[in-house]
N, C-alpha and C. Protein backbone atom coordinates (compact mmCIF):
# COMPACT_ATOMS: atom_id res chain seq x y z
N MET A 1 11.02 -1.40 13.32
CA MET A 1 10.10 -1.61 12.21
C MET A 1 10.00 -0.31 11.40
N LYS A 2 10.07 -0.44 10.08
CA LYS A 2 10.01 0.73 9.20
C LYS A 2 8.59 1.30 9.17
N THR A 3 8.51 2.60 8.98
CA THR A 3 7.21 3.25 8.82
C THR A 3 6.68 2.96 7.42
N MET A 4 5.40 3.18 7.22
CA MET A 4 4.81 2.98 5.90
C MET A 4 5.47 3.92 4.89
N GLN A 5 5.79 5.13 5.29
CA GLN A 5 6.45 6.05 4.36
C GLN A 5 7.81 5.51 3.93
N ASP A 6 8.57 4.94 4.86
CA ASP A 6 9.87 4.34 4.53
C ASP A 6 9.69 3.13 3.61
N ARG A 7 8.71 2.29 3.92
CA ARG A 7 8.44 1.11 3.10
C ARG A 7 8.03 1.51 1.69
N ALA A 8 7.20 2.57 1.59
CA ALA A 8 6.76 3.05 0.28
C ALA A 8 7.95 3.58 -0.51
N ALA A 9 8.82 4.34 0.13
CA ALA A 9 10.01 4.87 -0.55
C ALA A 9 10.88 3.72 -1.07
N ASP A 10 11.06 2.70 -0.26
CA ASP A 10 11.85 1.53 -0.68
C ASP A 10 11.19 0.83 -1.88
N ALA A 11 9.88 0.64 -1.81
CA ALA A 11 9.17 -0.04 -2.89
C ALA A 11 9.20 0.77 -4.18
N LEU A 12 9.04 2.09 -4.06
CA LEU A 12 9.03 2.93 -5.25
C LEU A 12 10.40 3.03 -5.90
N ALA A 13 11.44 2.67 -5.19
CA ALA A 13 12.79 2.67 -5.75
C ALA A 13 13.07 1.42 -6.59
N VAL A 14 12.20 0.42 -6.47
CA VAL A 14 12.35 -0.83 -7.23
C VAL A 14 11.87 -0.58 -8.67
N ARG A 15 12.62 -1.09 -9.63
CA ARG A 15 12.26 -0.86 -11.03
C ARG A 15 11.15 -1.79 -11.52
N HIS A 16 11.22 -3.07 -11.15
CA HIS A 16 10.26 -4.07 -11.62
C HIS A 16 9.83 -4.95 -10.46
N ASP A 17 8.69 -5.59 -10.63
CA ASP A 17 8.19 -6.52 -9.62
C ASP A 17 8.11 -5.89 -8.24
N LEU A 18 7.34 -4.82 -8.15
CA LEU A 18 7.19 -4.14 -6.87
C LEU A 18 6.62 -5.09 -5.83
N PRO A 19 7.13 -5.01 -4.61
CA PRO A 19 6.67 -5.92 -3.57
C PRO A 19 5.27 -5.54 -3.07
N SER A 20 4.60 -6.51 -2.53
CA SER A 20 3.31 -6.27 -1.92
C SER A 20 3.49 -5.51 -0.60
N PRO A 21 2.58 -4.61 -0.28
CA PRO A 21 2.64 -3.91 1.00
C PRO A 21 2.20 -4.78 2.18
N CYS A 22 1.66 -5.96 1.91
CA CYS A 22 1.11 -6.82 2.95
C CYS A 22 2.17 -7.19 3.99
N ILE A 23 1.79 -7.07 5.26
CA ILE A 23 2.67 -7.50 6.36
C ILE A 23 1.96 -8.55 7.21
N SER A 24 0.95 -9.18 6.65
CA SER A 24 0.19 -10.25 7.30
C SER A 24 -0.50 -9.81 8.59
N LEU A 25 -0.97 -8.58 8.59
CA LEU A 25 -1.80 -8.06 9.67
C LEU A 25 -3.08 -7.58 8.99
N CYS A 26 -3.92 -8.53 8.64
CA CYS A 26 -5.08 -8.28 7.79
C CYS A 26 -6.32 -8.03 8.64
N ARG A 27 -6.62 -6.75 8.81
CA ARG A 27 -7.80 -6.37 9.59
C ARG A 27 -8.28 -5.03 9.04
N MET A 28 -9.49 -5.03 8.50
CA MET A 28 -10.04 -3.82 7.89
C MET A 28 -10.66 -2.92 8.96
N ARG A 29 -10.30 -1.65 8.91
CA ARG A 29 -10.85 -0.66 9.87
C ARG A 29 -12.22 -0.20 9.37
N GLU A 30 -13.18 -0.19 10.24
CA GLU A 30 -14.52 0.27 9.87
C GLU A 30 -14.53 1.77 9.59
N SER A 31 -13.69 2.51 10.27
CA SER A 31 -13.71 3.97 10.17
C SER A 31 -13.40 4.49 8.77
N ASP A 32 -12.46 3.84 8.07
CA ASP A 32 -12.07 4.35 6.75
C ASP A 32 -11.93 3.26 5.69
N GLY A 33 -12.14 2.00 6.05
CA GLY A 33 -12.06 0.91 5.09
C GLY A 33 -10.66 0.52 4.68
N LEU A 34 -9.66 0.92 5.46
CA LEU A 34 -8.27 0.58 5.15
C LEU A 34 -7.80 -0.58 6.02
N CYS A 35 -6.92 -1.39 5.46
CA CYS A 35 -6.32 -2.48 6.23
C CYS A 35 -5.37 -1.87 7.27
N GLU A 36 -5.43 -2.37 8.48
CA GLU A 36 -4.55 -1.86 9.54
C GLU A 36 -3.09 -2.19 9.28
N GLY A 37 -2.82 -3.25 8.54
CA GLY A 37 -1.45 -3.66 8.29
C GLY A 37 -0.79 -2.96 7.12
N CYS A 38 -1.50 -2.89 5.99
CA CYS A 38 -0.87 -2.38 4.77
C CYS A 38 -1.47 -1.06 4.27
N TRP A 39 -2.52 -0.60 4.89
CA TRP A 39 -3.16 0.68 4.56
C TRP A 39 -3.85 0.69 3.20
N ARG A 40 -4.07 -0.51 2.61
CA ARG A 40 -4.77 -0.57 1.33
C ARG A 40 -6.27 -0.73 1.55
N THR A 41 -7.03 -0.35 0.52
CA THR A 41 -8.46 -0.62 0.51
C THR A 41 -8.66 -2.07 0.12
N LEU A 42 -9.84 -2.58 0.33
CA LEU A 42 -10.15 -3.96 -0.06
C LEU A 42 -9.98 -4.14 -1.57
N ASP A 43 -10.43 -3.16 -2.35
CA ASP A 43 -10.27 -3.25 -3.81
C ASP A 43 -8.80 -3.31 -4.21
N GLU A 44 -7.96 -2.51 -3.55
CA GLU A 44 -6.52 -2.54 -3.86
C GLU A 44 -5.90 -3.89 -3.51
N ILE A 45 -6.36 -4.47 -2.42
CA ILE A 45 -5.85 -5.79 -2.01
C ILE A 45 -6.27 -6.86 -3.01
N VAL A 46 -7.54 -6.86 -3.38
CA VAL A 46 -8.07 -7.87 -4.29
C VAL A 46 -7.42 -7.77 -5.67
N CYS A 47 -7.19 -6.58 -6.15
CA CYS A 47 -6.67 -6.38 -7.51
C CYS A 47 -5.15 -6.44 -7.60
N TRP A 48 -4.44 -6.46 -6.48
CA TRP A 48 -2.98 -6.35 -6.49
C TRP A 48 -2.30 -7.33 -7.45
N SER A 49 -2.69 -8.57 -7.43
CA SER A 49 -2.00 -9.58 -8.24
C SER A 49 -2.21 -9.38 -9.74
N GLN A 50 -3.24 -8.64 -10.14
CA GLN A 50 -3.48 -8.38 -11.55
C GLN A 50 -2.91 -7.03 -12.00
N MET A 51 -2.42 -6.23 -11.07
CA MET A 51 -1.91 -4.91 -11.41
C MET A 51 -0.53 -5.01 -12.07
N ASP A 52 -0.28 -4.08 -13.00
CA ASP A 52 1.06 -3.99 -13.56
C ASP A 52 1.89 -3.09 -12.64
N ASP A 53 3.18 -2.96 -12.94
CA ASP A 53 4.06 -2.19 -12.06
C ASP A 53 3.62 -0.74 -11.91
N ALA A 54 3.12 -0.13 -12.98
CA ALA A 54 2.67 1.26 -12.92
C ALA A 54 1.50 1.41 -11.94
N GLN A 55 0.56 0.47 -11.98
CA GLN A 55 -0.58 0.53 -11.06
C GLN A 55 -0.13 0.28 -9.62
N LYS A 56 0.78 -0.66 -9.43
CA LYS A 56 1.31 -0.92 -8.08
C LYS A 56 2.04 0.30 -7.55
N ARG A 57 2.78 0.98 -8.43
CA ARG A 57 3.49 2.20 -8.04
C ARG A 57 2.50 3.27 -7.57
N GLU A 58 1.36 3.37 -8.26
CA GLU A 58 0.32 4.33 -7.86
C GLU A 58 -0.22 3.99 -6.47
N VAL A 59 -0.44 2.71 -6.21
CA VAL A 59 -0.94 2.30 -4.89
C VAL A 59 0.09 2.63 -3.82
N TRP A 60 1.36 2.31 -4.07
CA TRP A 60 2.41 2.62 -3.09
C TRP A 60 2.47 4.12 -2.81
N ALA A 61 2.30 4.94 -3.85
CA ALA A 61 2.32 6.39 -3.65
C ALA A 61 1.14 6.83 -2.78
N LYS A 62 -0.02 6.21 -2.99
CA LYS A 62 -1.19 6.50 -2.16
C LYS A 62 -0.95 6.09 -0.71
N LEU A 63 -0.28 4.96 -0.52
CA LEU A 63 -0.01 4.50 0.85
C LEU A 63 0.89 5.49 1.57
N ALA A 64 1.87 6.03 0.88
CA ALA A 64 2.75 7.04 1.48
C ALA A 64 1.95 8.28 1.87
N GLN A 65 1.02 8.69 1.01
CA GLN A 65 0.17 9.85 1.30
C GLN A 65 -0.74 9.57 2.51
N ARG A 66 -1.31 8.38 2.53
CA ARG A 66 -2.18 8.02 3.65
C ARG A 66 -1.40 8.03 4.96
N ALA A 67 -0.20 7.50 4.93
CA ALA A 67 0.63 7.46 6.13
C ALA A 67 1.01 8.86 6.60
N ALA A 68 1.12 9.78 5.64
CA ALA A 68 1.48 11.16 5.97
C ALA A 68 0.25 11.98 6.41
N GLY A 69 -0.91 11.34 6.40
CA GLY A 69 -2.12 12.02 6.83
C GLY A 69 -2.98 12.55 5.72
N GLY A 70 -2.57 12.29 4.48
CA GLY A 70 -3.37 12.70 3.33
C GLY A 70 -4.44 11.67 3.05
N ASN A 71 -5.46 12.06 2.36
CA ASN A 71 -6.55 11.13 2.03
C ASN A 71 -6.44 10.71 0.60
N ALA A 72 -5.53 9.80 0.31
CA ALA A 72 -5.36 9.34 -1.07
C ALA A 72 -6.21 8.13 -1.33
């Protein structure tokens, strides 16, 4: 299974129609409010379908930072 950083790099290489980070493991952590499966916040999950590619790219970049231990 690919790491979140690998998945983010793959997604950021896509020009259009960025894929969703969802891996169908939907469980929000109380400690930081992130989904255990995709590392998104609830707001990022809810807004995903309305985001344009630039906004999705920003979320993917944040996911890579979160996976690396940064607080994005």
